[in-house]
Amino acid sequence: MEHIAALLLLIGCSDDLKQCRELPAPTPIFETMAECDAIIGQTRRGFEGAEPRVFAQCVYVDPAMEEEDAELVWDITADGRLEAEVTAGSATIASRAPTATLR
């Protein structure tokens, strides 16, 4: 069975870094960090021009988290660096406020 060891995260931002969004990576998951590292530069260059600023990072995924809900958390720092990690997700339960009962 395959396991995920790395995710390729691509982020496109405005020049002032106030608006950023995830970009779709052509190959987003890898079995090793080395596989991700081997294509990160080429993939990033392929997105140049799509956004004023493009960031790319291979993010390590702990194989022990395979059975857990995980969350990819990222931020662009004030000095223009992409910081990202995969963390254990927190369970979110959606609910709706009760509606009035018709009589």
N, C-alpha and C. Protein backbone atom coordinates (compact mmCIF):
# COMPACT_ATOMS: atom_id res chain seq x y z
N MET A 1 0.83 -1.18 0.00
CA MET A 1 0.00 0.00 0.00
C MET A 1 0.88 1.25 0.00
N GLU A 2 0.52 2.20 -0.83
CA GLU A 2 1.26 3.45 -0.89
C GLU A 2 1.01 4.28 0.36
N HIS A 3 2.00 5.07 0.72
CA HIS A 3 1.77 6.03 1.79
C HIS A 3 2.27 7.39 1.29
N ILE A 4 1.78 8.42 1.91
CA ILE A 4 2.14 9.78 1.53
C ILE A 4 3.22 10.27 2.48
N ALA A 5 4.34 10.72 1.92
CA ALA A 5 5.42 11.26 2.74
C ALA A 5 5.59 12.76 2.54
N ALA A 6 5.03 13.29 1.41
CA ALA A 6 5.18 14.71 1.14
C ALA A 6 4.02 15.22 0.29
N LEU A 7 3.70 16.47 0.50
CA LEU A 7 2.71 17.18 -0.31
C LEU A 7 3.42 18.34 -0.99
N LEU A 8 3.08 18.61 -2.24
CA LEU A 8 3.61 19.78 -2.92
C LEU A 8 2.57 20.89 -2.80
N LEU A 9 2.94 21.93 -2.10
CA LEU A 9 2.06 23.07 -1.86
C LEU A 9 2.50 24.22 -2.75
N LEU A 10 1.57 24.74 -3.52
CA LEU A 10 1.81 25.91 -4.37
C LEU A 10 0.86 27.01 -3.93
N ILE A 11 1.41 28.19 -3.71
CA ILE A 11 0.62 29.34 -3.28
C ILE A 11 0.88 30.50 -4.22
N GLY A 12 -0.18 31.12 -4.69
CA GLY A 12 -0.08 32.32 -5.52
C GLY A 12 -0.56 33.52 -4.72
N CYS A 13 0.20 34.62 -4.79
CA CYS A 13 -0.14 35.81 -4.00
C CYS A 13 -0.07 37.08 -4.85
N SER A 14 -0.74 38.10 -4.34
CA SER A 14 -0.62 39.43 -4.92
C SER A 14 0.77 39.97 -4.59
N ASP A 15 1.18 41.06 -5.25
CA ASP A 15 2.51 41.63 -4.99
C ASP A 15 2.71 42.01 -3.53
N ASP A 16 1.65 42.51 -2.88
CA ASP A 16 1.76 42.95 -1.50
C ASP A 16 1.54 41.83 -0.48
N LEU A 17 1.31 40.60 -0.96
CA LEU A 17 1.10 39.41 -0.13
C LEU A 17 -0.15 39.47 0.73
N LYS A 18 -1.08 40.37 0.40
CA LYS A 18 -2.30 40.48 1.19
C LYS A 18 -3.37 39.49 0.75
N GLN A 19 -3.28 39.02 -0.49
CA GLN A 19 -4.23 38.03 -0.99
C GLN A 19 -3.45 36.85 -1.54
N CYS A 20 -3.66 35.70 -0.93
CA CYS A 20 -2.97 34.49 -1.36
C CYS A 20 -3.97 33.35 -1.46
N ARG A 21 -3.66 32.40 -2.34
CA ARG A 21 -4.53 31.24 -2.49
C ARG A 21 -3.70 30.05 -2.92
N GLU A 22 -4.22 28.86 -2.61
CA GLU A 22 -3.56 27.64 -3.05
C GLU A 22 -3.77 27.47 -4.54
N LEU A 23 -2.73 27.03 -5.22
CA LEU A 23 -2.80 26.72 -6.65
C LEU A 23 -2.79 25.20 -6.81
N PRO A 24 -3.44 24.70 -7.85
CA PRO A 24 -3.50 23.24 -8.04
C PRO A 24 -2.17 22.67 -8.54
N ALA A 25 -1.55 21.87 -7.72
CA ALA A 25 -0.29 21.22 -8.12
C ALA A 25 -0.61 20.09 -9.09
N PRO A 26 0.14 19.96 -10.18
CA PRO A 26 -0.12 18.87 -11.13
C PRO A 26 0.05 17.49 -10.49
N THR A 27 1.02 17.35 -9.62
CA THR A 27 1.21 16.12 -8.83
C THR A 27 1.31 16.58 -7.39
N PRO A 28 0.24 16.45 -6.60
CA PRO A 28 0.26 17.02 -5.26
C PRO A 28 0.83 16.12 -4.16
N ILE A 29 0.90 14.80 -4.39
CA ILE A 29 1.36 13.91 -3.32
C ILE A 29 2.51 13.03 -3.80
N PHE A 30 3.39 12.68 -2.85
CA PHE A 30 4.59 11.91 -3.17
C PHE A 30 4.86 10.89 -2.07
N GLU A 31 5.47 9.80 -2.46
CA GLU A 31 5.84 8.76 -1.50
C GLU A 31 7.12 9.09 -0.74
N THR A 32 7.94 10.00 -1.30
CA THR A 32 9.16 10.42 -0.61
C THR A 32 9.35 11.92 -0.79
N MET A 33 10.07 12.54 0.15
CA MET A 33 10.40 13.96 0.03
C MET A 33 11.31 14.17 -1.18
N ALA A 34 12.19 13.22 -1.46
CA ALA A 34 13.12 13.35 -2.58
C ALA A 34 12.37 13.47 -3.90
N GLU A 35 11.29 12.71 -4.07
CA GLU A 35 10.49 12.82 -5.30
C GLU A 35 9.89 14.21 -5.44
N CYS A 36 9.39 14.75 -4.33
CA CYS A 36 8.81 16.10 -4.36
C CYS A 36 9.90 17.14 -4.65
N ASP A 37 11.02 17.03 -3.92
CA ASP A 37 12.12 17.98 -4.12
C ASP A 37 12.63 17.98 -5.56
N ALA A 38 12.56 16.84 -6.22
CA ALA A 38 13.08 16.72 -7.59
C ALA A 38 12.28 17.54 -8.60
N ILE A 39 11.01 17.80 -8.33
CA ILE A 39 10.20 18.52 -9.32
C ILE A 39 9.72 19.88 -8.86
N ILE A 40 10.04 20.28 -7.63
CA ILE A 40 9.49 21.52 -7.10
C ILE A 40 9.88 22.75 -7.92
N GLY A 41 11.13 22.85 -8.31
CA GLY A 41 11.58 24.01 -9.08
C GLY A 41 10.90 24.11 -10.43
N GLN A 42 10.83 23.01 -11.14
CA GLN A 42 10.18 22.98 -12.45
C GLN A 42 8.69 23.31 -12.32
N THR A 43 8.04 22.76 -11.31
CA THR A 43 6.61 23.02 -11.12
C THR A 43 6.38 24.48 -10.79
N ARG A 44 7.20 25.05 -9.91
CA ARG A 44 7.06 26.47 -9.55
C ARG A 44 7.22 27.35 -10.78
N ARG A 45 8.23 27.07 -11.58
CA ARG A 45 8.46 27.87 -12.80
C ARG A 45 7.26 27.78 -13.74
N GLY A 46 6.60 26.64 -13.77
CA GLY A 46 5.42 26.48 -14.62
C GLY A 46 4.26 27.36 -14.21
N PHE A 47 4.26 27.84 -12.98
CA PHE A 47 3.18 28.71 -12.49
C PHE A 47 3.56 30.19 -12.49
N GLU A 48 4.80 30.51 -12.84
CA GLU A 48 5.19 31.91 -12.90
C GLU A 48 4.33 32.61 -13.94
N GLY A 49 3.81 33.76 -13.57
CA GLY A 49 2.91 34.50 -14.45
C GLY A 49 1.44 34.25 -14.12
N ALA A 50 1.15 33.15 -13.44
CA ALA A 50 -0.23 32.87 -13.04
C ALA A 50 -0.67 33.83 -11.94
N GLU A 51 0.27 34.22 -11.11
CA GLU A 51 0.06 35.16 -10.01
C GLU A 51 1.30 36.04 -9.93
N PRO A 52 1.18 37.25 -9.37
CA PRO A 52 2.37 38.10 -9.24
C PRO A 52 3.51 37.45 -8.46
N ARG A 53 3.16 36.67 -7.40
CA ARG A 53 4.19 35.96 -6.63
C ARG A 53 3.74 34.53 -6.43
N VAL A 54 4.66 33.60 -6.66
CA VAL A 54 4.35 32.18 -6.52
C VAL A 54 5.35 31.55 -5.56
N PHE A 55 4.82 30.80 -4.60
CA PHE A 55 5.63 30.10 -3.61
C PHE A 55 5.38 28.61 -3.76
N ALA A 56 6.39 27.81 -3.49
CA ALA A 56 6.25 26.35 -3.54
C ALA A 56 7.04 25.74 -2.40
N GLN A 57 6.48 24.69 -1.81
CA GLN A 57 7.17 24.01 -0.72
C GLN A 57 6.73 22.55 -0.68
N CYS A 58 7.68 21.66 -0.48
CA CYS A 58 7.37 20.26 -0.20
C CYS A 58 7.16 20.17 1.31
N VAL A 59 6.00 19.66 1.69
CA VAL A 59 5.63 19.60 3.10
C VAL A 59 5.66 18.14 3.55
N TYR A 60 6.42 17.86 4.59
CA TYR A 60 6.54 16.52 5.14
C TYR A 60 5.22 16.07 5.74
N VAL A 61 4.86 14.81 5.49
CA VAL A 61 3.68 14.19 6.08
C VAL A 61 4.15 12.99 6.90
N ASP A 62 3.87 13.02 8.18
CA ASP A 62 4.25 11.92 9.06
C ASP A 62 3.40 10.70 8.73
N PRO A 63 4.01 9.58 8.34
CA PRO A 63 3.24 8.38 8.00
C PRO A 63 2.35 7.91 9.14
N ALA A 64 2.68 8.22 10.37
CA ALA A 64 1.86 7.82 11.51
C ALA A 64 0.50 8.53 11.50
N MET A 65 0.39 9.62 10.73
CA MET A 65 -0.87 10.37 10.66
C MET A 65 -1.81 9.82 9.59
N GLU A 66 -1.40 8.76 8.93
CA GLU A 66 -2.17 8.23 7.80
C GLU A 66 -3.61 7.92 8.17
N GLU A 67 -3.84 7.41 9.35
CA GLU A 67 -5.19 7.03 9.76
C GLU A 67 -5.93 8.16 10.47
N GLU A 68 -5.27 9.28 10.71
CA GLU A 68 -5.87 10.40 11.41
C GLU A 68 -6.38 11.44 10.42
N ASP A 69 -7.27 12.28 10.93
CA ASP A 69 -7.64 13.47 10.16
C ASP A 69 -6.45 14.42 10.26
N ALA A 70 -5.99 14.89 9.14
CA ALA A 70 -4.86 15.80 9.14
C ALA A 70 -5.27 17.09 8.45
N GLU A 71 -4.54 18.14 8.77
CA GLU A 71 -4.86 19.45 8.24
C GLU A 71 -3.57 20.10 7.74
N LEU A 72 -3.60 20.65 6.54
CA LEU A 72 -2.48 21.40 6.00
C LEU A 72 -2.66 22.85 6.40
N VAL A 73 -1.69 23.38 7.14
CA VAL A 73 -1.75 24.75 7.63
C VAL A 73 -0.58 25.51 7.02
N TRP A 74 -0.87 26.66 6.41
CA TRP A 74 0.21 27.44 5.80
C TRP A 74 0.00 28.93 6.05
N ASP A 75 1.10 29.67 5.89
CA ASP A 75 1.08 31.12 6.06
C ASP A 75 2.22 31.72 5.26
N ILE A 76 2.01 32.91 4.76
CA ILE A 76 3.08 33.69 4.15
C ILE A 76 3.48 34.72 5.19
N THR A 77 4.73 34.68 5.62
CA THR A 77 5.20 35.58 6.67
C THR A 77 5.38 36.99 6.14
N ALA A 78 5.52 37.94 7.05
CA ALA A 78 5.70 39.34 6.67
C ALA A 78 6.94 39.55 5.81
N ASP A 79 7.95 38.70 6.01
CA ASP A 79 9.18 38.84 5.21
C ASP A 79 9.12 38.00 3.93
N GLY A 80 7.93 37.49 3.57
CA GLY A 80 7.75 36.82 2.28
C GLY A 80 8.19 35.38 2.21
N ARG A 81 8.07 34.63 3.31
CA ARG A 81 8.41 33.21 3.30
C ARG A 81 7.14 32.39 3.47
N LEU A 82 7.10 31.26 2.77
CA LEU A 82 6.01 30.32 2.94
C LEU A 82 6.37 29.37 4.07
N GLU A 83 5.50 29.26 5.06
CA GLU A 83 5.67 28.30 6.15
C GLU A 83 4.46 27.39 6.12
N ALA A 84 4.69 26.08 6.13
CA ALA A 84 3.59 25.12 6.05
C ALA A 84 3.92 23.87 6.82
N GLU A 85 2.87 23.21 7.34
CA GLU A 85 3.03 21.93 8.00
C GLU A 85 1.70 21.19 7.98
N VAL A 86 1.80 19.89 8.11
CA VAL A 86 0.62 19.05 8.24
C VAL A 86 0.50 18.72 9.72
N THR A 87 -0.66 19.02 10.28
CA THR A 87 -0.89 18.79 11.70
C THR A 87 -2.09 17.88 11.90
N ALA A 88 -2.20 17.33 13.09
CA ALA A 88 -3.38 16.54 13.42
C ALA A 88 -4.58 17.48 13.40
N GLY A 89 -5.59 17.11 12.63
CA GLY A 89 -6.77 17.95 12.50
C GLY A 89 -7.61 17.92 13.75
N SER A 90 -8.34 18.98 13.92
CA SER A 90 -9.27 19.02 15.04
C SER A 90 -10.65 18.69 14.50
N ALA A 91 -11.38 17.93 15.23
CA ALA A 91 -12.71 17.54 14.79
C ALA A 91 -13.63 18.74 14.85
N THR A 92 -14.34 18.98 13.78
CA THR A 92 -15.31 20.05 13.72
C THR A 92 -16.67 19.43 13.50
N ILE A 93 -17.59 19.80 14.32
CA ILE A 93 -18.94 19.26 14.19
C ILE A 93 -19.85 20.38 13.76
N ALA A 94 -20.48 20.20 12.64
CA ALA A 94 -21.40 21.21 12.14
C ALA A 94 -22.77 20.96 12.73
N SER A 95 -23.43 22.02 13.10
CA SER A 95 -24.80 21.88 13.60
C SER A 95 -25.59 23.10 13.15
N ARG A 96 -26.86 22.94 13.22
CA ARG A 96 -27.75 24.01 12.82
C ARG A 96 -28.60 24.37 14.02
N ALA A 97 -28.86 25.64 14.17
CA ALA A 97 -29.69 26.06 15.29
C ALA A 97 -31.09 25.46 15.11
N PRO A 98 -31.72 25.06 16.19
CA PRO A 98 -33.07 24.48 16.06
C PRO A 98 -34.03 25.48 15.45
N THR A 99 -34.93 25.00 14.64
CA THR A 99 -35.92 25.85 14.01
C THR A 99 -37.20 25.83 14.85
N ALA A 100 -37.99 26.83 14.68
CA ALA A 100 -39.25 26.91 15.42
C ALA A 100 -40.16 25.77 14.96
N THR A 101 -40.89 25.21 15.88
CA THR A 101 -41.81 24.13 15.58
C THR A 101 -43.15 24.72 15.16
N LEU A 102 -43.65 24.25 14.03
CA LEU A 102 -44.97 24.71 13.57
C LEU A 102 -46.03 23.98 14.35
N ARG A 103 -47.06 24.70 14.77
CA ARG A 103 -48.18 24.08 15.51
C ARG A 103 -49.46 24.34 14.80
